[in-house]
């Protein structure tokens, strides 16, 4: 089992990991080190166990906040998908009514349904980008 050196809060730790997990372990340690460095700047020298505990809690807090935001965005995306399906159904219904009536259907209503569907698509795409950005920030 490979052993990897990790630097956290100005201290070096040697940790064993499975082969191929070294990079992921280094990334996790870098996140912990960022929090530890922040603590050291704010508080000065801190006992090792307290530094690790507080750094871990700060990371857990950030992770919880990201999870809450992701959950809210997922709910928003589901709502937008539902609105999009409704708008698509409405466009299809109005289009078939227009065909059956020989174009006698209200074209303004059809156009409004089309705009609603397009707006729902744009909002869903924006929400997707926000979720992807949050995921990228979490990985960084």
Foldseek 3Di string as FASTA:
>chain_A
DDWDWAAALNDIDIHDDDPPCRVVVNLVSVQLNVLLVVCCVVPNDDPPVVSSVRSVVVLVVVVVVLVVVLVVLVVVLVVLVVQLVVLVVQLVVQVVVCVVVVNPGDVVSNVVSVVSNVVSVVVNVVSVVVNVVSVVVNSD
